Amino acid sequence: AGWHAPPAWAERAVTERAAWDAHIDTLRAGASDG
């Protein structure tokens, strides 16, 4: 109670996940090569 991790750490998680999600979006879009 009363303790939490430094805010910068949670912010790092958001940044890392956003980059990964963008990568997955690119893979899902793919290329129209048949």
PDB file of all heavy atoms in Angstrom:
ATOM      1  N   ALA A   1       0.831  -1.206   0.000  1.00  0.00           N
ATOM      2  CA  ALA A   1       0.000   0.000   0.000  1.00  0.00           C
ATOM      3  C   ALA A   1       0.866   1.257   0.000  1.00  0.00           C
ATOM      4  O   ALA A   1       1.806   1.392   0.788  1.00  0.00           O
ATOM      5  CB  ALA A   1      -0.926  -0.001   1.210  1.00  0.00           C
ATOM      6  N   GLY A   2       0.555   2.154  -0.936  1.00  0.00           N
ATOM      7  CA  GLY A   2       1.284   3.412  -1.024  1.00  0.00           C
ATOM      8  C   GLY A   2       2.508   3.376  -1.918  1.00  0.00           C
ATOM      9  O   GLY A   2       3.091   4.428  -2.213  1.00  0.00           O
ATOM     10  N   TRP A   3       2.901   2.196  -2.363  1.00  0.00           N
ATOM     11  CA  TRP A   3       4.103   2.094  -3.219  1.00  0.00           C
ATOM     12  C   TRP A   3       3.717   1.823  -4.661  1.00  0.00           C
ATOM     13  O   TRP A   3       2.774   1.075  -4.943  1.00  0.00           O
ATOM     14  CB  TRP A   3       5.009   0.956  -2.749  1.00  0.00           C
ATOM     15  CG  TRP A   3       6.179   0.735  -3.688  1.00  0.00           C
ATOM     16  CD1 TRP A   3       7.368   1.374  -3.668  1.00  0.00           C
ATOM     17  CD2 TRP A   3       6.216  -0.172  -4.792  1.00  0.00           C
ATOM     18  NE1 TRP A   3       8.169   0.933  -4.702  1.00  0.00           N
ATOM     19  CE2 TRP A   3       7.484  -0.015  -5.410  1.00  0.00           C
ATOM     20  CE3 TRP A   3       5.312  -1.079  -5.331  1.00  0.00           C
ATOM     21  CZ2 TRP A   3       7.861  -0.749  -6.530  1.00  0.00           C
ATOM     22  CZ3 TRP A   3       5.678  -1.815  -6.454  1.00  0.00           C
ATOM     23  CH2 TRP A   3       6.944  -1.652  -7.031  1.00  0.00           C
ATOM     24  N   HIS A   4       4.434   2.435  -5.588  1.00  0.00           N
ATOM     25  CA  HIS A   4       4.287   2.106  -7.002  1.00  0.00           C
ATOM     26  C   HIS A   4       5.632   2.302  -7.692  1.00  0.00           C
ATOM     27  O   HIS A   4       6.520   3.008  -7.197  1.00  0.00           O
ATOM     28  CB  HIS A   4       3.200   2.946  -7.676  1.00  0.00           C
ATOM     29  CG  HIS A   4       3.445   4.428  -7.626  1.00  0.00           C
ATOM     30  ND1 HIS A   4       4.367   5.075  -8.438  1.00  0.00           N
ATOM     31  CD2 HIS A   4       2.891   5.401  -6.852  1.00  0.00           C
ATOM     32  CE1 HIS A   4       4.360   6.367  -8.184  1.00  0.00           C
ATOM     33  NE2 HIS A   4       3.483   6.594  -7.203  1.00  0.00           N
ATOM     34  N   ALA A   5       5.778   1.681  -8.808  1.00  0.00           N
ATOM     35  CA  ALA A   5       7.018   1.785  -9.582  1.00  0.00           C
ATOM     36  C   ALA A   5       7.159   3.202 -10.145  1.00  0.00           C
ATOM     37  O   ALA A   5       6.164   3.913 -10.301  1.00  0.00           O
ATOM     38  CB  ALA A   5       7.027   0.763 -10.704  1.00  0.00           C
ATOM     39  N   PRO A   6       8.368   3.626 -10.468  1.00  0.00           N
ATOM     40  CA  PRO A   6       8.572   4.955 -11.047  1.00  0.00           C
ATOM     41  C   PRO A   6       7.737   5.141 -12.315  1.00  0.00           C
ATOM     42  O   PRO A   6       7.636   4.218 -13.139  1.00  0.00           O
ATOM     43  CB  PRO A   6      10.066   4.986 -11.354  1.00  0.00           C
ATOM     44  CG  PRO A   6      10.673   4.002 -10.398  1.00  0.00           C
ATOM     45  CD  PRO A   6       9.654   2.924 -10.240  1.00  0.00           C
ATOM     46  N   PRO A   7       7.139   6.299 -12.526  1.00  0.00           N
ATOM     47  CA  PRO A   7       6.279   6.530 -13.705  1.00  0.00           C
ATOM     48  C   PRO A   7       6.989   6.272 -15.030  1.00  0.00           C
ATOM     49  O   PRO A   7       6.356   5.828 -15.996  1.00  0.00           O
ATOM     50  CB  PRO A   7       5.882   8.008 -13.558  1.00  0.00           C
ATOM     51  CG  PRO A   7       5.984   8.284 -12.090  1.00  0.00           C
ATOM     52  CD  PRO A   7       7.124   7.455 -11.601  1.00  0.00           C
ATOM     53  N   ALA A   8       8.279   6.552 -15.088  1.00  0.00           N
ATOM     54  CA  ALA A   8       9.001   6.367 -16.347  1.00  0.00           C
ATOM     55  C   ALA A   8       8.986   4.912 -16.810  1.00  0.00           C
ATOM     56  O   ALA A   8       9.059   4.636 -18.014  1.00  0.00           O
ATOM     57  CB  ALA A   8      10.438   6.851 -16.193  1.00  0.00           C
ATOM     58  N   TRP A   9       8.899   3.995 -15.865  1.00  0.00           N
ATOM     59  CA  TRP A   9       8.908   2.574 -16.214  1.00  0.00           C
ATOM     60  C   TRP A   9       7.610   2.189 -16.933  1.00  0.00           C
ATOM     61  O   TRP A   9       7.636   1.512 -17.961  1.00  0.00           O
ATOM     62  CB  TRP A   9       9.106   1.741 -14.959  1.00  0.00           C
ATOM     63  CG  TRP A   9       9.096   0.251 -15.154  1.00  0.00           C
ATOM     64  CD1 TRP A   9       8.277  -0.638 -14.533  1.00  0.00           C
ATOM     65  CD2 TRP A   9       9.950  -0.534 -16.004  1.00  0.00           C
ATOM     66  NE1 TRP A   9       8.560  -1.915 -14.938  1.00  0.00           N
ATOM     67  CE2 TRP A   9       9.593  -1.881 -15.840  1.00  0.00           C
ATOM     68  CE3 TRP A   9      10.977  -0.208 -16.891  1.00  0.00           C
ATOM     69  CZ2 TRP A   9      10.209  -2.919 -16.525  1.00  0.00           C
ATOM     70  CZ3 TRP A   9      11.605  -1.242 -17.585  1.00  0.00           C
ATOM     71  CH2 TRP A   9      11.225  -2.573 -17.399  1.00  0.00           C
ATOM     72  N   ALA A  10       6.472   2.642 -16.416  1.00  0.00           N
ATOM     73  CA  ALA A  10       5.198   2.371 -17.082  1.00  0.00           C
ATOM     74  C   ALA A  10       5.149   3.061 -18.442  1.00  0.00           C
ATOM     75  O   ALA A  10       4.589   2.518 -19.403  1.00  0.00           O
ATOM     76  CB  ALA A  10       4.037   2.827 -16.210  1.00  0.00           C
ATOM     77  N   GLU A  11       5.735   4.237 -18.526  1.00  0.00           N
ATOM     78  CA  GLU A  11       5.781   4.943 -19.814  1.00  0.00           C
ATOM     79  C   GLU A  11       6.613   4.164 -20.828  1.00  0.00           C
ATOM     80  O   GLU A  11       6.283   4.118 -22.021  1.00  0.00           O
ATOM     81  CB  GLU A  11       6.345   6.351 -19.616  1.00  0.00           C
ATOM     82  CG  GLU A  11       5.442   7.257 -18.789  1.00  0.00           C
ATOM     83  CD  GLU A  11       6.144   8.520 -18.320  1.00  0.00           C
ATOM     84  OE1 GLU A  11       7.309   8.737 -18.745  1.00  0.00           O
ATOM     85  OE2 GLU A  11       5.548   9.283 -17.535  1.00  0.00           O
ATOM     86  N   ARG A  12       7.687   3.525 -20.363  1.00  0.00           N
ATOM     87  CA  ARG A  12       8.510   2.697 -21.256  1.00  0.00           C
ATOM     88  C   ARG A  12       7.673   1.540 -21.814  1.00  0.00           C
ATOM     89  O   ARG A  12       7.800   1.177 -22.987  1.00  0.00           O
ATOM     90  CB  ARG A  12       9.708   2.171 -20.465  1.00  0.00           C
ATOM     91  CG  ARG A  12      10.528   1.066 -21.153  1.00  0.00           C
ATOM     92  CD  ARG A  12      11.544   1.601 -22.116  1.00  0.00           C
ATOM     93  NE  ARG A  12      12.282   0.532 -22.774  1.00  0.00           N
ATOM     94  CZ  ARG A  12      13.420  -0.001 -22.324  1.00  0.00           C
ATOM     95  NH1 ARG A  12      13.957   0.449 -21.186  1.00  0.00           N
ATOM     96  NH2 ARG A  12      14.042  -0.942 -23.000  1.00  0.00           N
ATOM     97  N   ALA A  13       6.820   0.972 -20.967  1.00  0.00           N
ATOM     98  CA  ALA A  13       5.977  -0.133 -21.418  1.00  0.00           C
ATOM     99  C   ALA A  13       5.047   0.307 -22.542  1.00  0.00           C
ATOM    100  O   ALA A  13       4.836  -0.424 -23.521  1.00  0.00           O
ATOM    101  CB  ALA A  13       5.169  -0.686 -20.244  1.00  0.00           C
ATOM    102  N   VAL A  14       4.474   1.492 -22.420  1.00  0.00           N
ATOM    103  CA  VAL A  14       3.582   2.011 -23.455  1.00  0.00           C
ATOM    104  C   VAL A  14       4.331   2.192 -24.770  1.00  0.00           C
ATOM    105  O   VAL A  14       3.844   1.826 -25.848  1.00  0.00           O
ATOM    106  CB  VAL A  14       2.946   3.340 -23.000  1.00  0.00           C
ATOM    107  CG1 VAL A  14       2.174   3.988 -24.144  1.00  0.00           C
ATOM    108  CG2 VAL A  14       2.034   3.120 -21.799  1.00  0.00           C
ATOM    109  N   THR A  15       5.528   2.751 -24.686  1.00  0.00           N
ATOM    110  CA  THR A  15       6.334   2.993 -25.889  1.00  0.00           C
ATOM    111  C   THR A  15       6.716   1.692 -26.593  1.00  0.00           C
ATOM    112  O   THR A  15       6.595   1.566 -27.813  1.00  0.00           O
ATOM    113  CB  THR A  15       7.612   3.775 -25.529  1.00  0.00           C
ATOM    114  OG1 THR A  15       7.240   5.016 -24.902  1.00  0.00           O
ATOM    115  CG2 THR A  15       8.454   4.052 -26.760  1.00  0.00           C
ATOM    116  N   GLU A  16       7.158   0.713 -25.811  1.00  0.00           N
ATOM    117  CA  GLU A  16       7.573  -0.571 -26.390  1.00  0.00           C
ATOM    118  C   GLU A  16       6.390  -1.277 -27.040  1.00  0.00           C
ATOM    119  O   GLU A  16       6.500  -1.825 -28.147  1.00  0.00           O
ATOM    120  CB  GLU A  16       8.196  -1.471 -25.314  1.00  0.00           C
ATOM    121  CG  GLU A  16       9.493  -0.950 -24.722  1.00  0.00           C
ATOM    122  CD  GLU A  16      10.681  -1.090 -25.668  1.00  0.00           C
ATOM    123  OE1 GLU A  16      10.515  -1.644 -26.771  1.00  0.00           O
ATOM    124  OE2 GLU A  16      11.780  -0.644 -25.302  1.00  0.00           O
ATOM    125  N   ARG A  17       5.234  -1.266 -26.365  1.00  0.00           N
ATOM    126  CA  ARG A  17       4.079  -1.967 -26.902  1.00  0.00           C
ATOM    127  C   ARG A  17       3.561  -1.278 -28.161  1.00  0.00           C
ATOM    128  O   ARG A  17       3.126  -1.943 -29.115  1.00  0.00           O
ATOM    129  CB  ARG A  17       2.988  -2.067 -25.842  1.00  0.00           C
ATOM    130  CG  ARG A  17       1.728  -2.788 -26.303  1.00  0.00           C
ATOM    131  CD  ARG A  17       1.998  -4.232 -26.723  1.00  0.00           C
ATOM    132  NE  ARG A  17       0.870  -4.802 -27.435  1.00  0.00           N
ATOM    133  CZ  ARG A  17      -0.097  -5.507 -26.859  1.00  0.00           C
ATOM    134  NH1 ARG A  17      -0.076  -5.707 -25.545  1.00  0.00           N
ATOM    135  NH2 ARG A  17      -1.079  -5.995 -27.584  1.00  0.00           N
ATOM    136  N   ALA A  18       3.602   0.043 -28.191  1.00  0.00           N
ATOM    137  CA  ALA A  18       3.143   0.759 -29.378  1.00  0.00           C
ATOM    138  C   ALA A  18       3.986   0.400 -30.589  1.00  0.00           C
ATOM    139  O   ALA A  18       3.464   0.208 -31.700  1.00  0.00           O
ATOM    140  CB  ALA A  18       3.171   2.266 -29.123  1.00  0.00           C
ATOM    141  N   ALA A  19       5.300   0.291 -30.388  1.00  0.00           N
ATOM    142  CA  ALA A  19       6.185  -0.073 -31.494  1.00  0.00           C
ATOM    143  C   ALA A  19       5.895  -1.491 -31.974  1.00  0.00           C
ATOM    144  O   ALA A  19       5.891  -1.765 -33.189  1.00  0.00           O
ATOM    145  CB  ALA A  19       7.643   0.062 -31.059  1.00  0.00           C
ATOM    146  N   TRP A  20       5.655  -2.401 -31.046  1.00  0.00           N
ATOM    147  CA  TRP A  20       5.347  -3.786 -31.427  1.00  0.00           C
ATOM    148  C   TRP A  20       4.009  -3.868 -32.163  1.00  0.00           C
ATOM    149  O   TRP A  20       3.891  -4.571 -33.169  1.00  0.00           O
ATOM    150  CB  TRP A  20       5.335  -4.677 -30.194  1.00  0.00           C
ATOM    151  CG  TRP A  20       4.982  -6.104 -30.496  1.00  0.00           C
ATOM    152  CD1 TRP A  20       3.817  -6.740 -30.176  1.00  0.00           C
ATOM    153  CD2 TRP A  20       5.775  -7.067 -31.193  1.00  0.00           C
ATOM    154  NE1 TRP A  20       3.841  -8.037 -30.626  1.00  0.00           N
ATOM    155  CE2 TRP A  20       5.037  -8.266 -31.252  1.00  0.00           C
ATOM    156  CE3 TRP A  20       7.050  -7.032 -31.776  1.00  0.00           C
ATOM    157  CZ2 TRP A  20       5.513  -9.418 -31.861  1.00  0.00           C
ATOM    158  CZ3 TRP A  20       7.535  -8.183 -32.381  1.00  0.00           C
ATOM    159  CH2 TRP A  20       6.770  -9.365 -32.419  1.00  0.00           C
ATOM    160  N   ASP A  21       3.001  -3.169 -31.664  1.00  0.00           N
ATOM    161  CA  ASP A  21       1.696  -3.186 -32.323  1.00  0.00           C
ATOM    162  C   ASP A  21       1.794  -2.647 -33.747  1.00  0.00           C
ATOM    163  O   ASP A  21       1.142  -3.166 -34.662  1.00  0.00           O
ATOM    164  CB  ASP A  21       0.688  -2.357 -31.524  1.00  0.00           C
ATOM    165  CG  ASP A  21       0.157  -3.099 -30.313  1.00  0.00           C
ATOM    166  OD1 ASP A  21       0.319  -4.339 -30.249  1.00  0.00           O
ATOM    167  OD2 ASP A  21      -0.428  -2.449 -29.427  1.00  0.00           O
ATOM    168  N   ALA A  22       2.601  -1.603 -33.937  1.00  0.00           N
ATOM    169  CA  ALA A  22       2.789  -1.062 -35.285  1.00  0.00           C
ATOM    170  C   ALA A  22       3.444  -2.098 -36.191  1.00  0.00           C
ATOM    171  O   ALA A  22       3.085  -2.221 -37.375  1.00  0.00           O
ATOM    172  CB  ALA A  22       3.639   0.202 -35.223  1.00  0.00           C
ATOM    173  N   HIS A  23       4.380  -2.864 -35.639  1.00  0.00           N
ATOM    174  CA  HIS A  23       5.042  -3.924 -36.402  1.00  0.00           C
ATOM    175  C   HIS A  23       4.032  -5.007 -36.788  1.00  0.00           C
ATOM    176  O   HIS A  23       4.018  -5.471 -37.952  1.00  0.00           O
ATOM    177  CB  HIS A  23       6.174  -4.520 -35.564  1.00  0.00           C
ATOM    178  CG  HIS A  23       6.845  -5.696 -36.182  1.00  0.00           C
ATOM    179  ND1 HIS A  23       7.502  -5.629 -37.389  1.00  0.00           N
ATOM    180  CD2 HIS A  23       6.960  -6.991 -35.768  1.00  0.00           C
ATOM    181  CE1 HIS A  23       7.998  -6.826 -37.695  1.00  0.00           C
ATOM    182  NE2 HIS A  23       7.678  -7.656 -36.724  1.00  0.00           N
ATOM    183  N   ILE A  24       3.176  -5.415 -35.853  1.00  0.00           N
ATOM    184  CA  ILE A  24       2.164  -6.426 -36.141  1.00  0.00           C
ATOM    185  C   ILE A  24       1.183  -5.909 -37.195  1.00  0.00           C
ATOM    186  O   ILE A  24       0.772  -6.654 -38.108  1.00  0.00           O
ATOM    187  CB  ILE A  24       1.411  -6.838 -34.861  1.00  0.00           C
ATOM    188  CG1 ILE A  24       2.364  -7.563 -33.894  1.00  0.00           C
ATOM    189  CG2 ILE A  24       0.210  -7.710 -35.188  1.00  0.00           C
ATOM    190  CD1 ILE A  24       2.924  -8.864 -34.432  1.00  0.00           C
ATOM    191  N   ASP A  25       0.814  -4.645 -37.102  1.00  0.00           N
ATOM    192  CA  ASP A  25      -0.082  -4.069 -38.106  1.00  0.00           C
ATOM    193  C   ASP A  25       0.532  -4.156 -39.497  1.00  0.00           C
ATOM    194  O   ASP A  25      -0.161  -4.452 -40.481  1.00  0.00           O
ATOM    195  CB  ASP A  25      -0.395  -2.611 -37.755  1.00  0.00           C
ATOM    196  CG  ASP A  25      -1.312  -2.472 -36.554  1.00  0.00           C
ATOM    197  OD1 ASP A  25      -2.001  -3.461 -36.213  1.00  0.00           O
ATOM    198  OD2 ASP A  25      -1.335  -1.383 -35.951  1.00  0.00           O
ATOM    199  N   THR A  26       1.819  -3.901 -39.588  1.00  0.00           N
ATOM    200  CA  THR A  26       2.511  -3.988 -40.872  1.00  0.00           C
ATOM    201  C   THR A  26       2.505  -5.419 -41.403  1.00  0.00           C
ATOM    202  O   THR A  26       2.252  -5.655 -42.587  1.00  0.00           O
ATOM    203  CB  THR A  26       3.968  -3.502 -40.737  1.00  0.00           C
ATOM    204  OG1 THR A  26       3.974  -2.148 -40.295  1.00  0.00           O
ATOM    205  CG2 THR A  26       4.712  -3.608 -42.057  1.00  0.00           C
ATOM    206  N   LEU A  27       2.768  -6.384 -40.515  1.00  0.00           N
ATOM    207  CA  LEU A  27       2.763  -7.779 -40.935  1.00  0.00           C
ATOM    208  C   LEU A  27       1.372  -8.227 -41.379  1.00  0.00           C
ATOM    209  O   LEU A  27       1.232  -8.989 -42.346  1.00  0.00           O
ATOM    210  CB  LEU A  27       3.240  -8.675 -39.790  1.00  0.00           C
ATOM    211  CG  LEU A  27       4.696  -8.522 -39.355  1.00  0.00           C
ATOM    212  CD1 LEU A  27       4.977  -9.410 -38.152  1.00  0.00           C
ATOM    213  CD2 LEU A  27       5.643  -8.866 -40.497  1.00  0.00           C
ATOM    214  N   ARG A  28       0.354  -7.754 -40.697  1.00  0.00           N
ATOM    215  CA  ARG A  28      -1.007  -8.135 -41.047  1.00  0.00           C
ATOM    216  C   ARG A  28      -1.444  -7.520 -42.369  1.00  0.00           C
ATOM    217  O   ARG A  28      -2.235  -8.118 -43.107  1.00  0.00           O
ATOM    218  CB  ARG A  28      -1.966  -7.740 -39.933  1.00  0.00           C
ATOM    219  CG  ARG A  28      -1.829  -8.580 -38.676  1.00  0.00           C
ATOM    220  CD  ARG A  28      -2.849  -8.206 -37.612  1.00  0.00           C
ATOM    221  NE  ARG A  28      -2.784  -9.116 -36.473  1.00  0.00           N
ATOM    222  CZ  ARG A  28      -3.613  -9.078 -35.433  1.00  0.00           C
ATOM    223  NH1 ARG A  28      -4.574  -8.145 -35.397  1.00  0.00           N
ATOM    224  NH2 ARG A  28      -3.491  -9.936 -34.445  1.00  0.00           N
ATOM    225  N   ALA A  29      -0.931  -6.333 -42.654  1.00  0.00           N
ATOM    226  CA  ALA A  29      -1.257  -5.709 -43.935  1.00  0.00           C
ATOM    227  C   ALA A  29      -0.617  -6.494 -45.074  1.00  0.00           C
ATOM    228  O   ALA A  29      -1.242  -6.780 -46.095  1.00  0.00           O
ATOM    229  CB  ALA A  29      -0.787  -4.265 -43.949  1.00  0.00           C
ATOM    230  N   GLY A  30       0.654  -6.877 -44.882  1.00  0.00           N
ATOM    231  CA  GLY A  30       1.335  -7.744 -45.829  1.00  0.00           C
ATOM    232  C   GLY A  30       1.502  -7.115 -47.188  1.00  0.00           C
ATOM    233  O   GLY A  30       1.327  -5.908 -47.392  1.00  0.00           O
ATOM    234  N   ALA A  31       1.865  -7.953 -48.144  1.00  0.00           N
ATOM    235  CA  ALA A  31       2.049  -7.523 -49.524  1.00  0.00           C
ATOM    236  C   ALA A  31       1.157  -8.371 -50.421  1.00  0.00           C
ATOM    237  O   ALA A  31       0.881  -9.523 -50.141  1.00  0.00           O
ATOM    238  CB  ALA A  31       3.513  -7.677 -49.947  1.00  0.00           C
ATOM    239  N   SER A  32       0.712  -7.780 -51.493  1.00  0.00           N
ATOM    240  CA  SER A  32      -0.166  -8.500 -52.423  1.00  0.00           C
ATOM    241  C   SER A  32       0.677  -9.264 -53.439  1.00  0.00           C
ATOM    242  O   SER A  32       0.728  -8.937 -54.627  1.00  0.00           O
ATOM    243  CB  SER A  32      -1.097  -7.505 -53.130  1.00  0.00           C
ATOM    244  OG  SER A  32      -1.900  -6.818 -52.210  1.00  0.00           O
ATOM    245  N   ASP A  33       1.390 -10.277 -52.964  1.00  0.00           N
ATOM    246  CA  ASP A  33       2.265 -11.054 -53.834  1.00  0.00           C
ATOM    247  C   ASP A  33       1.718 -12.454 -54.093  1.00  0.00           C
ATOM    248  O   ASP A  33       2.426 -13.346 -54.555  1.00  0.00           O
ATOM    249  CB  ASP A  33       3.670 -11.154 -53.230  1.00  0.00           C
ATOM    250  CG  ASP A  33       3.670 -11.850 -51.871  1.00  0.00           C
ATOM    251  OD1 ASP A  33       2.568 -12.179 -51.382  1.00  0.00           O
ATOM    252  OD2 ASP A  33       4.759 -12.067 -51.312  1.00  0.00           O
ATOM    253  N   GLY A  34       0.437 -12.653 -53.776  1.00  0.00           N
ATOM    254  CA  GLY A  34      -0.164 -13.952 -54.052  1.00  0.00           C
ATOM    255  C   GLY A  34       0.020 -14.979 -52.970  1.00  0.00           C
ATOM    256  O   GLY A  34      -0.301 -16.142 -53.172  1.00  0.00           O
TER     257      GLY A  34
END
